[in-house]
Amino acid sequence: MARAVAVVATWPLAIHPRSLLGATSGPGDPYLNLWILGWGMQAILSNPASIFNGAVFNANIFYPAAGTLAYSDHLLLQSQ
């Protein structure tokens, strides 16, 4: 029953999974999301207090700007 519900909920993906996943042109969001997950894991493991003082949001993507992780989804819960 659960498989039938999953197929219905993701119907176009169930019949053409390779053609409907990922970016249609260029690397797209998968690389951005991997970088965000990696940054969150690195920042929290190297300095756990960065969550409490906000330093975790000072990502190196648009250096020297501050708080650049807040420009996109931070995915901090998923990176742990």
PDB file of N, CA and C in Angstrom:
ATOM      1  N   MET A   1       0.812  -1.195   0.000  1.00  0.00           N
ATOM      2  CA  MET A   1       0.000   0.000   0.000  1.00  0.00           C
ATOM      3  C   MET A   1       0.861   1.266   0.000  1.00  0.00           C
ATOM      4  N   ALA A   2       1.924   1.239   0.819  1.00  0.00           N
ATOM      5  CA  ALA A   2       2.790   2.419   0.913  1.00  0.00           C
ATOM      6  C   ALA A   2       3.491   2.692  -0.413  1.00  0.00           C
ATOM      7  N   ARG A   3       3.858   1.651  -1.135  1.00  0.00           N
ATOM      8  CA  ARG A   3       4.511   1.851  -2.434  1.00  0.00           C
ATOM      9  C   ARG A   3       3.553   2.466  -3.442  1.00  0.00           C
ATOM     10  N   ALA A   4       2.318   2.059  -3.399  1.00  0.00           N
ATOM     11  CA  ALA A   4       1.334   2.626  -4.318  1.00  0.00           C
ATOM     12  C   ALA A   4       1.118   4.113  -4.029  1.00  0.00           C
ATOM     13  N   VAL A   5       1.080   4.472  -2.771  1.00  0.00           N
ATOM     14  CA  VAL A   5       0.922   5.879  -2.398  1.00  0.00           C
ATOM     15  C   VAL A   5       2.144   6.675  -2.847  1.00  0.00           C
ATOM     16  N   ALA A   6       3.334   6.103  -2.701  1.00  0.00           N
ATOM     17  CA  ALA A   6       4.555   6.795  -3.126  1.00  0.00           C
ATOM     18  C   ALA A   6       4.580   7.002  -4.634  1.00  0.00           C
ATOM     19  N   VAL A   7       4.135   6.016  -5.391  1.00  0.00           N
ATOM     20  CA  VAL A   7       4.100   6.142  -6.851  1.00  0.00           C
ATOM     21  C   VAL A   7       3.094   7.205  -7.275  1.00  0.00           C
ATOM     22  N   VAL A   8       1.940   7.224  -6.642  1.00  0.00           N
ATOM     23  CA  VAL A   8       0.932   8.226  -6.976  1.00  0.00           C
ATOM     24  C   VAL A   8       1.416   9.632  -6.596  1.00  0.00           C
ATOM     25  N   ALA A   9       2.066   9.764  -5.449  1.00  0.00           N
ATOM     26  CA  ALA A   9       2.513  11.078  -4.992  1.00  0.00           C
ATOM     27  C   ALA A   9       3.640  11.641  -5.851  1.00  0.00           C
ATOM     28  N   THR A  10       4.432  10.767  -6.449  1.00  0.00           N
ATOM     29  CA  THR A  10       5.560  11.208  -7.280  1.00  0.00           C
ATOM     30  C   THR A  10       5.385  10.724  -8.712  1.00  0.00           C
ATOM     31  N   TRP A  11       4.181  10.783  -9.240  1.00  0.00           N
ATOM     32  CA  TRP A  11       3.852  10.122 -10.497  1.00  0.00           C
ATOM     33  C   TRP A  11       4.805  10.387 -11.659  1.00  0.00           C
ATOM     34  N   PRO A  12       5.094  11.567 -12.072  1.00  0.00           N
ATOM     35  CA  PRO A  12       5.968  11.644 -13.243  1.00  0.00           C
ATOM     36  C   PRO A  12       7.351  11.065 -12.970  1.00  0.00           C
ATOM     37  N   LEU A  13       7.796  11.150 -11.745  1.00  0.00           N
ATOM     38  CA  LEU A  13       9.105  10.620 -11.406  1.00  0.00           C
ATOM     39  C   LEU A  13       9.120   9.103 -11.432  1.00  0.00           C
ATOM     40  N   ALA A  14       8.010   8.480 -11.149  1.00  0.00           N
ATOM     41  CA  ALA A  14       7.952   7.019 -11.099  1.00  0.00           C
ATOM     42  C   ALA A  14       8.210   6.389 -12.458  1.00  0.00           C
ATOM     43  N   ILE A  15       7.851   7.061 -13.545  1.00  0.00           N
ATOM     44  CA  ILE A  15       8.046   6.458 -14.865  1.00  0.00           C
ATOM     45  C   ILE A  15       9.293   6.959 -15.586  1.00  0.00           C
ATOM     46  N   HIS A  16       9.799   8.145 -15.217  1.00  0.00           N
ATOM     47  CA  HIS A  16      10.999   8.706 -15.858  1.00  0.00           C
ATOM     48  C   HIS A  16      11.936   9.299 -14.802  1.00  0.00           C
ATOM     49  N   PRO A  17      12.506   8.499 -13.905  1.00  0.00           N
ATOM     50  CA  PRO A  17      13.287   9.083 -12.816  1.00  0.00           C
ATOM     51  C   PRO A  17      14.568   9.788 -13.263  1.00  0.00           C
ATOM     52  N   ARG A  18      15.277   9.266 -14.248  1.00  0.00           N
ATOM     53  CA  ARG A  18      16.546   9.875 -14.648  1.00  0.00           C
ATOM     54  C   ARG A  18      16.363  11.174 -15.403  1.00  0.00           C
ATOM     55  N   SER A  19      15.302  11.295 -16.146  1.00  0.00           N
ATOM     56  CA  SER A  19      15.120  12.503 -16.941  1.00  0.00           C
ATOM     57  C   SER A  19      14.503  13.655 -16.145  1.00  0.00           C
ATOM     58  N   LEU A  20      13.921  13.379 -14.996  1.00  0.00           N
ATOM     59  CA  LEU A  20      13.244  14.426 -14.235  1.00  0.00           C
ATOM     60  C   LEU A  20      13.995  14.860 -12.982  1.00  0.00           C
ATOM     61  N   LEU A  21      15.113  14.218 -12.678  1.00  0.00           N
ATOM     62  CA  LEU A  21      15.893  14.597 -11.506  1.00  0.00           C
ATOM     63  C   LEU A  21      17.075  15.447 -11.920  1.00  0.00           C
ATOM     64  N   GLY A  22      17.501  16.343 -11.047  1.00  0.00           N
ATOM     65  CA  GLY A  22      18.681  17.160 -11.295  1.00  0.00           C
ATOM     66  C   GLY A  22      18.356  18.420 -12.073  1.00  0.00           C
ATOM     67  N   ALA A  23      19.387  19.164 -12.364  1.00  0.00           N
ATOM     68  CA  ALA A  23      19.235  20.429 -13.076  1.00  0.00           C
ATOM     69  C   ALA A  23      19.091  20.176 -14.573  1.00  0.00           C
ATOM     70  N   THR A  24      18.271  20.968 -15.227  1.00  0.00           N
ATOM     71  CA  THR A  24      18.063  20.796 -16.664  1.00  0.00           C
ATOM     72  C   THR A  24      19.207  21.375 -17.475  1.00  0.00           C
ATOM     73  N   SER A  25      19.891  22.389 -16.965  1.00  0.00           N
ATOM     74  CA  SER A  25      21.044  22.943 -17.672  1.00  0.00           C
ATOM     75  C   SER A  25      22.087  23.379 -16.654  1.00  0.00           C
ATOM     76  N   GLY A  26      23.292  22.928 -16.824  1.00  0.00           N
ATOM     77  CA  GLY A  26      24.352  23.274 -15.889  1.00  0.00           C
ATOM     78  C   GLY A  26      24.280  22.459 -14.620  1.00  0.00           C
ATOM     79  N   PRO A  27      25.229  22.687 -13.712  1.00  0.00           N
ATOM     80  CA  PRO A  27      25.271  21.887 -12.492  1.00  0.00           C
ATOM     81  C   PRO A  27      24.093  22.139 -11.558  1.00  0.00           C
ATOM     82  N   GLY A  28      23.628  23.379 -11.464  1.00  0.00           N
ATOM     83  CA  GLY A  28      22.412  23.675 -10.713  1.00  0.00           C
ATOM     84  C   GLY A  28      22.512  23.505  -9.211  1.00  0.00           C
ATOM     85  N   ASP A  29      21.380  23.252  -8.596  1.00  0.00           N
ATOM     86  CA  ASP A  29      21.257  23.209  -7.141  1.00  0.00           C
ATOM     87  C   ASP A  29      21.959  22.053  -6.447  1.00  0.00           C
ATOM     88  N   PRO A  30      22.145  20.892  -7.053  1.00  0.00           N
ATOM     89  CA  PRO A  30      22.809  19.828  -6.292  1.00  0.00           C
ATOM     90  C   PRO A  30      24.176  20.245  -5.745  1.00  0.00           C
ATOM     91  N   TYR A  31      24.973  20.948  -6.539  1.00  0.00           N
ATOM     92  CA  TYR A  31      26.286  21.377  -6.059  1.00  0.00           C
ATOM     93  C   TYR A  31      26.168  22.441  -4.978  1.00  0.00           C
ATOM     94  N   LEU A  32      25.228  23.344  -5.109  1.00  0.00           N
ATOM     95  CA  LEU A  32      25.008  24.350  -4.072  1.00  0.00           C
ATOM     96  C   LEU A  32      24.592  23.685  -2.770  1.00  0.00           C
ATOM     97  N   ASN A  33      23.673  22.737  -2.835  1.00  0.00           N
ATOM     98  CA  ASN A  33      23.216  22.064  -1.622  1.00  0.00           C
ATOM     99  C   ASN A  33      24.323  21.247  -0.976  1.00  0.00           C
ATOM    100  N   LEU A  34      25.171  20.608  -1.785  1.00  0.00           N
ATOM    101  CA  LEU A  34      26.299  19.870  -1.222  1.00  0.00           C
ATOM    102  C   LEU A  34      27.274  20.817  -0.525  1.00  0.00           C
ATOM    103  N   TRP A  35      27.522  21.967  -1.124  1.00  0.00           N
ATOM    104  CA  TRP A  35      28.415  22.937  -0.490  1.00  0.00           C
ATOM    105  C   TRP A  35      27.816  23.434   0.825  1.00  0.00           C
ATOM    106  N   ILE A  36      26.516  23.731   0.825  1.00  0.00           N
ATOM    107  CA  ILE A  36      25.863  24.220   2.041  1.00  0.00           C
ATOM    108  C   ILE A  36      25.936  23.176   3.147  1.00  0.00           C
ATOM    109  N   LEU A  37      25.670  21.912   2.814  1.00  0.00           N
ATOM    110  CA  LEU A  37      25.752  20.846   3.814  1.00  0.00           C
ATOM    111  C   LEU A  37      27.174  20.707   4.340  1.00  0.00           C
ATOM    112  N   GLY A  38      28.149  20.776   3.443  1.00  0.00           N
ATOM    113  CA  GLY A  38      29.548  20.679   3.860  1.00  0.00           C
ATOM    114  C   GLY A  38      29.974  21.836   4.737  1.00  0.00           C
ATOM    115  N   TRP A  39      29.542  23.048   4.381  1.00  0.00           N
ATOM    116  CA  TRP A  39      29.897  24.213   5.192  1.00  0.00           C
ATOM    117  C   TRP A  39      29.299  24.099   6.587  1.00  0.00           C
ATOM    118  N   GLY A  40      28.045  23.709   6.673  1.00  0.00           N
ATOM    119  CA  GLY A  40      27.395  23.575   7.974  1.00  0.00           C
ATOM    120  C   GLY A  40      28.085  22.544   8.845  1.00  0.00           C
ATOM    121  N   MET A  41      28.437  21.407   8.251  1.00  0.00           N
ATOM    122  CA  MET A  41      29.104  20.364   9.015  1.00  0.00           C
ATOM    123  C   MET A  41      30.487  20.828   9.477  1.00  0.00           C
ATOM    124  N   GLN A  42      31.237  21.459   8.596  1.00  0.00           N
ATOM    125  CA  GLN A  42      32.578  21.924   8.941  1.00  0.00           C
ATOM    126  C   GLN A  42      32.521  23.012  10.011  1.00  0.00           C
ATOM    127  N   ALA A  43      31.617  23.950   9.859  1.00  0.00           N
ATOM    128  CA  ALA A  43      31.533  25.064  10.803  1.00  0.00           C
ATOM    129  C   ALA A  43      31.104  24.598  12.189  1.00  0.00           C
ATOM    130  N   ILE A  44      30.153  23.696  12.251  1.00  0.00           N
ATOM    131  CA  ILE A  44      29.655  23.257  13.555  1.00  0.00           C
ATOM    132  C   ILE A  44      30.631  22.308  14.238  1.00  0.00           C
ATOM    133  N   LEU A  45      31.282  21.432  13.469  1.00  0.00           N
ATOM    134  CA  LEU A  45      32.233  20.508  14.087  1.00  0.00           C
ATOM    135  C   LEU A  45      33.515  21.210  14.525  1.00  0.00           C
ATOM    136  N   SER A  46      33.939  22.217  13.794  1.00  0.00           N
ATOM    137  CA  SER A  46      35.172  22.908  14.180  1.00  0.00           C
ATOM    138  C   SER A  46      34.943  23.933  15.284  1.00  0.00           C
ATOM    139  N   ASN A  47      33.739  24.491  15.377  1.00  0.00           N
ATOM    140  CA  ASN A  47      33.442  25.495  16.397  1.00  0.00           C
ATOM    141  C   ASN A  47      31.968  25.391  16.778  1.00  0.00           C
ATOM    142  N   PRO A  48      31.613  24.513  17.705  1.00  0.00           N
ATOM    143  CA  PRO A  48      30.200  24.334  18.072  1.00  0.00           C
ATOM    144  C   PRO A  48      29.522  25.599  18.586  1.00  0.00           C
ATOM    145  N   ALA A  49      30.275  26.522  19.151  1.00  0.00           N
ATOM    146  CA  ALA A  49      29.685  27.767  19.663  1.00  0.00           C
ATOM    147  C   ALA A  49      29.229  28.684  18.535  1.00  0.00           C
ATOM    148  N   SER A  50      29.621  28.390  17.296  1.00  0.00           N
ATOM    149  CA  SER A  50      29.234  29.248  16.173  1.00  0.00           C
ATOM    150  C   SER A  50      27.724  29.260  15.938  1.00  0.00           C
ATOM    151  N   ILE A  51      27.032  28.242  16.410  1.00  0.00           N
ATOM    152  CA  ILE A  51      25.572  28.224  16.295  1.00  0.00           C
ATOM    153  C   ILE A  51      24.970  29.311  17.187  1.00  0.00           C
ATOM    154  N   PHE A  52      25.531  29.483  18.358  1.00  0.00           N
ATOM    155  CA  PHE A  52      24.955  30.402  19.344  1.00  0.00           C
ATOM    156  C   PHE A  52      25.343  31.852  19.094  1.00  0.00           C
ATOM    157  N   ASN A  53      26.515  32.093  18.516  1.00  0.00           N
ATOM    158  CA  ASN A  53      26.921  33.474  18.283  1.00  0.00           C
ATOM    159  C   ASN A  53      26.703  33.923  16.838  1.00  0.00           C
ATOM    160  N   GLY A  54      26.157  33.046  15.991  1.00  0.00           N
ATOM    161  CA  GLY A  54      25.828  33.410  14.620  1.00  0.00           C
ATOM    162  C   GLY A  54      26.975  33.326  13.638  1.00  0.00           C
ATOM    163  N   ALA A  55      28.160  32.902  14.087  1.00  0.00           N
ATOM    164  CA  ALA A  55      29.316  32.821  13.200  1.00  0.00           C
ATOM    165  C   ALA A  55      29.157  31.747  12.135  1.00  0.00           C
ATOM    166  N   VAL A  56      28.269  30.803  12.354  1.00  0.00           N
ATOM    167  CA  VAL A  56      28.046  29.751  11.357  1.00  0.00           C
ATOM    168  C   VAL A  56      27.508  30.333  10.049  1.00  0.00           C
ATOM    169  N   PHE A  57      26.881  31.495  10.110  1.00  0.00           N
ATOM    170  CA  PHE A  57      26.340  32.128   8.909  1.00  0.00           C
ATOM    171  C   PHE A  57      27.375  32.931   8.124  1.00  0.00           C
ATOM    172  N   ASN A  58      28.581  33.066   8.653  1.00  0.00           N
ATOM    173  CA  ASN A  58      29.646  33.775   7.946  1.00  0.00           C
ATOM    174  C   ASN A  58      30.377  32.807   7.022  1.00  0.00           C
ATOM    175  N   ALA A  59      29.687  32.349   6.013  1.00  0.00           N
ATOM    176  CA  ALA A  59      30.259  31.383   5.070  1.00  0.00           C
ATOM    177  C   ALA A  59      31.262  32.070   4.154  1.00  0.00           C
ATOM    178  N   ASN A  60      32.092  31.272   3.515  1.00  0.00           N
ATOM    179  CA  ASN A  60      33.155  31.820   2.681  1.00  0.00           C
ATOM    180  C   ASN A  60      32.738  32.026   1.229  1.00  0.00           C
ATOM    181  N   ILE A  61      31.472  31.982   0.928  1.00  0.00           N
ATOM    182  CA  ILE A  61      31.042  32.027  -0.467  1.00  0.00           C
ATOM    183  C   ILE A  61      31.141  33.423  -1.086  1.00  0.00           C
ATOM    184  N   PHE A  62      30.830  34.454  -0.344  1.00  0.00           N
ATOM    185  CA  PHE A  62      30.945  35.819  -0.860  1.00  0.00           C
ATOM    186  C   PHE A  62      31.861  36.630   0.054  1.00  0.00           C
ATOM    187  N   TYR A  63      33.040  36.083   0.343  1.00  0.00           N
ATOM    188  CA  TYR A  63      33.992  36.751   1.221  1.00  0.00           C
ATOM    189  C   TYR A  63      34.344  38.113   0.654  1.00  0.00           C
ATOM    190  N   PRO A  64      34.382  39.130   1.407  1.00  0.00           N
ATOM    191  CA  PRO A  64      34.389  39.355   2.850  1.00  0.00           C
ATOM    192  C   PRO A  64      33.023  39.715   3.433  1.00  0.00           C
ATOM    193  N   ALA A  65      31.950  39.539   2.700  1.00  0.00           N
ATOM    194  CA  ALA A  65      30.621  39.855   3.236  1.00  0.00           C
ATOM    195  C   ALA A  65      30.294  38.936   4.409  1.00  0.00           C
ATOM    196  N   ALA A  66      29.545  39.439   5.363  1.00  0.00           N
ATOM    197  CA  ALA A  66      29.170  38.669   6.554  1.00  0.00           C
ATOM    198  C   ALA A  66      27.756  38.126   6.412  1.00  0.00           C
ATOM    199  N   GLY A  67      27.507  36.991   7.039  1.00  0.00           N
ATOM    200  CA  GLY A  67      26.174  36.411   7.063  1.00  0.00           C
ATOM    201  C   GLY A  67      25.710  35.852   5.731  1.00  0.00           C
ATOM    202  N   THR A  68      26.617  35.433   4.879  1.00  0.00           N
ATOM    203  CA  THR A  68      26.247  35.032   3.516  1.00  0.00           C
ATOM    204  C   THR A  68      25.509  33.706   3.448  1.00  0.00           C
ATOM    205  N   LEU A  69      25.610  32.865   4.466  1.00  0.00           N
ATOM    206  CA  LEU A  69      24.853  31.617   4.443  1.00  0.00           C
ATOM    207  C   LEU A  69      23.355  31.891   4.522  1.00  0.00           C
ATOM    208  N   ALA A  70      22.969  33.023   5.047  1.00  0.00           N
ATOM    209  CA  ALA A  70      21.556  33.390   5.148  1.00  0.00           C
ATOM    210  C   ALA A  70      20.969  33.800   3.809  1.00  0.00           C
ATOM    211  N   TYR A  71      21.790  33.946   2.763  1.00  0.00           N
ATOM    212  CA  TYR A  71      21.278  34.272   1.431  1.00  0.00           C
ATOM    213  C   TYR A  71      20.514  33.108   0.810  1.00  0.00           C
ATOM    214  N   SER A  72      20.733  31.917   1.297  1.00  0.00           N
ATOM    215  CA  SER A  72      20.093  30.719   0.759  1.00  0.00           C
ATOM    216  C   SER A  72      19.586  29.875   1.930  1.00  0.00           C
ATOM    217  N   ASP A  73      19.055  28.704   1.640  1.00  0.00           N
ATOM    218  CA  ASP A  73      18.652  27.788   2.708  1.00  0.00           C
ATOM    219  C   ASP A  73      19.905  27.356   3.455  1.00  0.00           C
ATOM    220  N   HIS A  74      19.875  27.405   4.786  1.00  0.00           N
ATOM    221  CA  HIS A  74      21.090  27.084   5.530  1.00  0.00           C
ATOM    222  C   HIS A  74      21.264  25.594   5.763  1.00  0.00           C
ATOM    223  N   LEU A  75      20.228  24.798   5.803  1.00  0.00           N
ATOM    224  CA  LEU A  75      20.292  23.341   5.953  1.00  0.00           C
ATOM    225  C   LEU A  75      21.128  22.911   7.148  1.00  0.00           C
ATOM    226  N   LEU A  76      21.142  23.688   8.215  1.00  0.00           N
ATOM    227  CA  LEU A  76      21.982  23.357   9.363  1.00  0.00           C
ATOM    228  C   LEU A  76      21.525  22.080  10.078  1.00  0.00           C
ATOM    229  N   LEU A  77      20.241  21.868  10.170  1.00  0.00           N
ATOM    230  CA  LEU A  77      19.766  20.634  10.816  1.00  0.00           C
ATOM    231  C   LEU A  77      20.115  19.401   9.984  1.00  0.00           C
ATOM    232  N   GLN A  78      20.024  19.514   8.677  1.00  0.00           N
ATOM    233  CA  GLN A  78      20.326  18.388   7.808  1.00  0.00           C
ATOM    234  C   GLN A  78      21.816  18.077   7.761  1.00  0.00           C
ATOM    235  N   SER A  79      22.667  19.045   8.023  1.00  0.00           N
ATOM    236  CA  SER A  79      24.101  18.821   7.927  1.00  0.00           C
ATOM    237  C   SER A  79      24.659  18.102   9.146  1.00  0.00           C
ATOM    238  N   GLN A  80      23.868  17.888  10.155  1.00  0.00           N
ATOM    239  CA  GLN A  80      24.353  17.198  11.351  1.00  0.00           C
ATOM    240  C   GLN A  80      23.984  15.775  11.367  1.00  0.00           C
TER     241      GLN A  80
END
